[in-house]
Amino acid sequence: MRQTIALANNISFMLDFMELDRIDFELLRLLRKNARLPNKDLAEIAGIAPSTALERVRRLREANVLKGFHAEVAAEAVGIGLQALVAVRMTRHSRTLLDSFHAHLRTLPEVLAFYHVAGAEDFLVHVGVRDSQHMRDFTMAAFTERPEVAHIQTHLIFEFQRNTDLANLLQR
């Protein structure tokens, strides 16, 4: 089944996995704000029976619409004193080099997230380290010593906020 979802800026994209209705979007919105919301409360806020909420969330998980439930961890509490986005430009584009770089990034505990992007850079890598010396040592070892990396540029992150509100992203 295909479904078109209009974004706030009137661009649409296709979902190939399942039809989502108003209730599904409401459940997704609520879970994005608080993934630990008890099923009873989830159902009450969404205006459906608890058994319906449980079944719909199960269906959303099985269809890979809900990919996981995550805890937001205070960076400082786990020793991260400095975060940055590292823009990486590859020497050339090939499936082998991209796959190798993906695999490399997944082995690095300092990598919090990474994005393969279009534009002047090929990757944006969100990293978290102890301090500026750790950042220097990490970027040298993790990026500049890699043969597939042509150039990096580091952008320090002063503040990070996750948008948990889907209401403005998806218009039905």
C-alpha atoms as a PDB file:
ATOM      1  CA  MET A   1       0.000   0.000   0.000  1.00  0.00           C
ATOM      2  CA  ARG A   2       1.191   3.491  -0.733  1.00  0.00           C
ATOM      3  CA  GLN A   3       0.128   6.607   1.038  1.00  0.00           C
ATOM      4  CA  THR A   4       1.031  10.217   0.318  1.00  0.00           C
ATOM      5  CA  ILE A   5       1.753  12.395   3.326  1.00  0.00           C
ATOM      6  CA  ALA A   6       1.872  16.158   2.787  1.00  0.00           C
ATOM      7  CA  LEU A   7       4.532  17.996   4.754  1.00  0.00           C
ATOM      8  CA  ALA A   8       4.046  21.477   6.169  1.00  0.00           C
ATOM      9  CA  ASN A   9       5.813  23.007   3.148  1.00  0.00           C
ATOM     10  CA  ASN A  10       3.482  21.118   0.765  1.00  0.00           C
ATOM     11  CA  ILE A  11       6.114  18.597  -0.309  1.00  0.00           C
ATOM     12  CA  SER A  12       4.913  15.020  -0.185  1.00  0.00           C
ATOM     13  CA  PHE A  13       6.627  11.685   0.084  1.00  0.00           C
ATOM     14  CA  MET A  14       5.502   8.086  -0.217  1.00  0.00           C
ATOM     15  CA  LEU A  15       5.307   5.475   2.485  1.00  0.00           C
ATOM     16  CA  ASP A  16       5.542   1.951   1.130  1.00  0.00           C
ATOM     17  CA  PHE A  17       4.892   0.046   4.318  1.00  0.00           C
ATOM     18  CA  MET A  18       1.358   0.619   5.582  1.00  0.00           C
ATOM     19  CA  GLU A  19      -1.608   2.921   5.612  1.00  0.00           C
ATOM     20  CA  LEU A  20      -1.497   5.302   8.571  1.00  0.00           C
ATOM     21  CA  ASP A  21      -4.659   6.941   9.836  1.00  0.00           C
ATOM     22  CA  ARG A  22      -5.376   9.763  12.279  1.00  0.00           C
ATOM     23  CA  ILE A  23      -5.124   7.427  15.287  1.00  0.00           C
ATOM     24  CA  ASP A  24      -1.753   6.045  14.142  1.00  0.00           C
ATOM     25  CA  PHE A  25      -0.383   9.572  13.790  1.00  0.00           C
ATOM     26  CA  GLU A  26      -1.696  10.495  17.227  1.00  0.00           C
ATOM     27  CA  LEU A  27      -0.028   7.425  18.768  1.00  0.00           C
ATOM     28  CA  LEU A  28       3.248   8.264  17.006  1.00  0.00           C
ATOM     29  CA  ARG A  29       3.059  11.863  18.203  1.00  0.00           C
ATOM     30  CA  LEU A  30       2.421  10.806  21.800  1.00  0.00           C
ATOM     31  CA  LEU A  31       5.156   8.171  21.819  1.00  0.00           C
ATOM     32  CA  ARG A  32       7.672  10.575  20.271  1.00  0.00           C
ATOM     33  CA  LYS A  33       7.042  12.972  23.143  1.00  0.00           C
ATOM     34  CA  ASN A  34       7.179  10.226  25.798  1.00  0.00           C
ATOM     35  CA  ALA A  35       8.029   6.659  24.786  1.00  0.00           C
ATOM     36  CA  ARG A  36       7.455   5.496  28.373  1.00  0.00           C
ATOM     37  CA  LEU A  37       3.819   6.585  28.393  1.00  0.00           C
ATOM     38  CA  PRO A  38       1.823   3.667  29.849  1.00  0.00           C
ATOM     39  CA  ASN A  39      -0.555   2.007  27.400  1.00  0.00           C
ATOM     40  CA  LYS A  40      -3.569   2.974  29.542  1.00  0.00           C
ATOM     41  CA  ASP A  41      -2.611   6.668  29.382  1.00  0.00           C
ATOM     42  CA  LEU A  42      -1.709   6.423  25.701  1.00  0.00           C
ATOM     43  CA  ALA A  43      -5.145   4.988  24.926  1.00  0.00           C
ATOM     44  CA  GLU A  44      -6.964   7.559  27.056  1.00  0.00           C
ATOM     45  CA  ILE A  45      -5.231  10.541  25.428  1.00  0.00           C
ATOM     46  CA  ALA A  46      -5.731   9.095  21.928  1.00  0.00           C
ATOM     47  CA  GLY A  47      -9.397   8.392  22.706  1.00  0.00           C
ATOM     48  CA  ILE A  48      -9.268   4.639  22.057  1.00  0.00           C
ATOM     49  CA  ALA A  49      -9.532   1.453  24.081  1.00  0.00           C
ATOM     50  CA  PRO A  50      -6.324   0.183  25.745  1.00  0.00           C
ATOM     51  CA  SER A  51      -6.503  -3.046  23.722  1.00  0.00           C
ATOM     52  CA  THR A  52      -6.739  -1.003  20.519  1.00  0.00           C
ATOM     53  CA  ALA A  53      -3.728   1.120  21.516  1.00  0.00           C
ATOM     54  CA  LEU A  54      -1.710  -1.991  22.334  1.00  0.00           C
ATOM     55  CA  GLU A  55      -2.577  -3.643  19.007  1.00  0.00           C
ATOM     56  CA  ARG A  56      -1.875  -0.495  16.971  1.00  0.00           C
ATOM     57  CA  VAL A  57       1.520   0.062  18.620  1.00  0.00           C
ATOM     58  CA  ARG A  58       2.375  -3.605  17.988  1.00  0.00           C
ATOM     59  CA  ARG A  59       1.378  -3.182  14.327  1.00  0.00           C
ATOM     60  CA  LEU A  60       3.438   0.022  14.007  1.00  0.00           C
ATOM     61  CA  ARG A  61       6.478  -1.804  15.445  1.00  0.00           C
ATOM     62  CA  GLU A  62       6.043  -4.830  13.168  1.00  0.00           C
ATOM     63  CA  ALA A  63       5.724  -2.559  10.110  1.00  0.00           C
ATOM     64  CA  ASN A  64       8.950  -0.756  11.115  1.00  0.00           C
ATOM     65  CA  VAL A  65       7.136   2.558  11.467  1.00  0.00           C
ATOM     66  CA  LEU A  66       8.229   2.579  15.110  1.00  0.00           C
ATOM     67  CA  LYS A  67      11.887   1.642  14.868  1.00  0.00           C
ATOM     68  CA  GLY A  68      12.699   1.729  18.576  1.00  0.00           C
ATOM     69  CA  PHE A  69      12.272   3.419  21.913  1.00  0.00           C
ATOM     70  CA  HIS A  70      15.189   5.481  23.166  1.00  0.00           C
ATOM     71  CA  ALA A  71      16.327   7.180  26.331  1.00  0.00           C
ATOM     72  CA  GLU A  72      17.631  10.736  26.127  1.00  0.00           C
ATOM     73  CA  VAL A  73      20.814  10.693  28.210  1.00  0.00           C
ATOM     74  CA  ALA A  74      22.434  13.800  29.715  1.00  0.00           C
ATOM     75  CA  ALA A  75      25.763  14.007  27.878  1.00  0.00           C
ATOM     76  CA  GLU A  76      27.627  15.423  30.871  1.00  0.00           C
ATOM     77  CA  ALA A  77      26.442  12.541  33.072  1.00  0.00           C
ATOM     78  CA  VAL A  78      28.337  10.048  30.886  1.00  0.00           C
ATOM     79  CA  GLY A  79      31.500  12.119  30.479  1.00  0.00           C
ATOM     80  CA  ILE A  80      30.693  13.956  27.244  1.00  0.00           C
ATOM     81  CA  GLY A  81      31.872  17.531  27.696  1.00  0.00           C
ATOM     82  CA  LEU A  82      32.051  18.503  24.039  1.00  0.00           C
ATOM     83  CA  GLN A  83      29.922  17.649  21.021  1.00  0.00           C
ATOM     84  CA  ALA A  84      30.467  18.466  17.373  1.00  0.00           C
ATOM     85  CA  LEU A  85      29.256  17.766  13.864  1.00  0.00           C
ATOM     86  CA  VAL A  86      32.145  16.631  11.714  1.00  0.00           C
ATOM     87  CA  ALA A  87      31.564  17.224   8.007  1.00  0.00           C
ATOM     88  CA  VAL A  88      33.416  14.587   5.996  1.00  0.00           C
ATOM     89  CA  ARG A  89      34.239  14.696   2.296  1.00  0.00           C
ATOM     90  CA  MET A  90      35.222  11.385   0.711  1.00  0.00           C
ATOM     91  CA  THR A  91      38.084  10.976  -1.767  1.00  0.00           C
ATOM     92  CA  ARG A  92      35.715   9.330  -4.232  1.00  0.00           C
ATOM     93  CA  HIS A  93      32.299   7.737  -4.288  1.00  0.00           C
ATOM     94  CA  SER A  94      32.000   3.997  -4.517  1.00  0.00           C
ATOM     95  CA  ARG A  95      29.822   1.465  -2.761  1.00  0.00           C
ATOM     96  CA  THR A  96      32.910  -0.228  -1.305  1.00  0.00           C
ATOM     97  CA  LEU A  97      34.265   2.997   0.226  1.00  0.00           C
ATOM     98  CA  LEU A  98      30.859   4.053   1.574  1.00  0.00           C
ATOM     99  CA  ASP A  99      30.202   0.636   3.105  1.00  0.00           C
ATOM    100  CA  SER A 100      33.678   0.607   4.635  1.00  0.00           C
ATOM    101  CA  PHE A 101      33.196   4.087   6.110  1.00  0.00           C
ATOM    102  CA  HIS A 102      29.747   3.173   7.481  1.00  0.00           C
ATOM    103  CA  ALA A 103      31.234   0.098   9.164  1.00  0.00           C
ATOM    104  CA  HIS A 104      34.083   2.186  10.582  1.00  0.00           C
ATOM    105  CA  LEU A 105      31.700   4.801  12.034  1.00  0.00           C
ATOM    106  CA  ARG A 106      29.606   2.109  13.738  1.00  0.00           C
ATOM    107  CA  THR A 107      32.694   0.913  15.665  1.00  0.00           C
ATOM    108  CA  LEU A 108      33.471   4.311  17.213  1.00  0.00           C
ATOM    109  CA  PRO A 109      31.952   4.914  20.668  1.00  0.00           C
ATOM    110  CA  GLU A 110      32.341   8.688  20.212  1.00  0.00           C
ATOM    111  CA  VAL A 111      29.960   8.643  17.226  1.00  0.00           C
ATOM    112  CA  LEU A 112      26.464   9.476  18.475  1.00  0.00           C
ATOM    113  CA  ALA A 113      24.850   9.541  15.020  1.00  0.00           C
ATOM    114  CA  PHE A 114      25.835   9.935  11.405  1.00  0.00           C
ATOM    115  CA  TYR A 115      24.141  11.074   8.243  1.00  0.00           C
ATOM    116  CA  HIS A 116      25.070  10.324   4.632  1.00  0.00           C
ATOM    117  CA  VAL A 117      24.137  13.575   2.889  1.00  0.00           C
ATOM    118  CA  ALA A 118      24.095  15.292  -0.493  1.00  0.00           C
ATOM    119  CA  GLY A 119      26.102  18.456  -1.068  1.00  0.00           C
ATOM    120  CA  ALA A 120      29.713  19.519  -0.670  1.00  0.00           C
ATOM    121  CA  GLU A 121      30.231  17.023   2.154  1.00  0.00           C
ATOM    122  CA  ASP A 122      29.327  13.355   2.070  1.00  0.00           C
ATOM    123  CA  PHE A 123      28.742  12.718   5.774  1.00  0.00           C
ATOM    124  CA  LEU A 124      27.790  14.662   8.867  1.00  0.00           C
ATOM    125  CA  VAL A 125      28.974  12.826  11.954  1.00  0.00           C
ATOM    126  CA  HIS A 126      27.645  13.801  15.388  1.00  0.00           C
ATOM    127  CA  VAL A 127      30.366  13.061  17.934  1.00  0.00           C
ATOM    128  CA  GLY A 128      30.627  13.360  21.697  1.00  0.00           C
ATOM    129  CA  VAL A 129      33.988  13.506  23.481  1.00  0.00           C
ATOM    130  CA  ARG A 130      35.433  14.474  26.881  1.00  0.00           C
ATOM    131  CA  ASP A 131      37.176  17.707  25.881  1.00  0.00           C
ATOM    132  CA  SER A 132      39.008  19.560  23.108  1.00  0.00           C
ATOM    133  CA  GLN A 133      42.121  17.355  23.347  1.00  0.00           C
ATOM    134  CA  HIS A 134      39.959  14.233  23.004  1.00  0.00           C
ATOM    135  CA  MET A 135      38.259  15.895  19.993  1.00  0.00           C
ATOM    136  CA  ARG A 136      41.623  16.573  18.342  1.00  0.00           C
ATOM    137  CA  ASP A 137      42.940  13.057  18.962  1.00  0.00           C
ATOM    138  CA  PHE A 138      39.651  11.468  17.901  1.00  0.00           C
ATOM    139  CA  THR A 139      39.271  13.384  14.633  1.00  0.00           C
ATOM    140  CA  MET A 140      42.886  12.666  13.694  1.00  0.00           C
ATOM    141  CA  ALA A 141      42.564   8.923  14.320  1.00  0.00           C
ATOM    142  CA  ALA A 142      38.966   8.406  13.207  1.00  0.00           C
ATOM    143  CA  PHE A 143      38.921  10.589  10.089  1.00  0.00           C
ATOM    144  CA  THR A 144      42.152  12.111   8.814  1.00  0.00           C
ATOM    145  CA  GLU A 145      44.066   8.819   8.914  1.00  0.00           C
ATOM    146  CA  ARG A 146      41.404   7.060   6.809  1.00  0.00           C
ATOM    147  CA  PRO A 147      42.390   6.708   3.126  1.00  0.00           C
ATOM    148  CA  GLU A 148      38.804   7.265   1.918  1.00  0.00           C
ATOM    149  CA  VAL A 149      38.561  10.669   3.675  1.00  0.00           C
ATOM    150  CA  ALA A 150      39.691  13.700   1.668  1.00  0.00           C
ATOM    151  CA  HIS A 151      38.649  16.522   4.026  1.00  0.00           C
ATOM    152  CA  ILE A 152      36.936  17.166   7.341  1.00  0.00           C
ATOM    153  CA  GLN A 153      35.506  20.268   8.963  1.00  0.00           C
ATOM    154  CA  THR A 154      34.476  20.289  12.616  1.00  0.00           C
ATOM    155  CA  HIS A 155      31.516  22.336  13.865  1.00  0.00           C
ATOM    156  CA  LEU A 156      31.202  22.595  17.655  1.00  0.00           C
ATOM    157  CA  ILE A 157      27.709  22.135  19.066  1.00  0.00           C
ATOM    158  CA  PHE A 158      26.861  24.673  21.757  1.00  0.00           C
ATOM    159  CA  GLU A 159      23.327  23.381  22.366  1.00  0.00           C
ATOM    160  CA  PHE A 160      21.314  20.375  21.231  1.00  0.00           C
ATOM    161  CA  GLN A 161      17.527  20.087  21.405  1.00  0.00           C
ATOM    162  CA  ARG A 162      15.477  17.262  19.907  1.00  0.00           C
ATOM    163  CA  ASN A 163      12.113  18.199  18.398  1.00  0.00           C
ATOM    164  CA  THR A 164       9.629  15.703  19.796  1.00  0.00           C
ATOM    165  CA  ASP A 165       6.561  17.220  18.158  1.00  0.00           C
ATOM    166  CA  LEU A 166       5.362  15.466  14.999  1.00  0.00           C
ATOM    167  CA  ALA A 167       2.218  17.592  14.772  1.00  0.00           C
ATOM    168  CA  ASN A 168       3.818  20.182  12.513  1.00  0.00           C
ATOM    169  CA  LEU A 169       5.743  17.647  10.417  1.00  0.00           C
ATOM    170  CA  LEU A 170       2.953  15.464   9.162  1.00  0.00           C
ATOM    171  CA  GLN A 171      -0.282  16.911   7.860  1.00  0.00           C
ATOM    172  CA  ARG A 172      -3.100  14.594   6.867  1.00  0.00           C
END
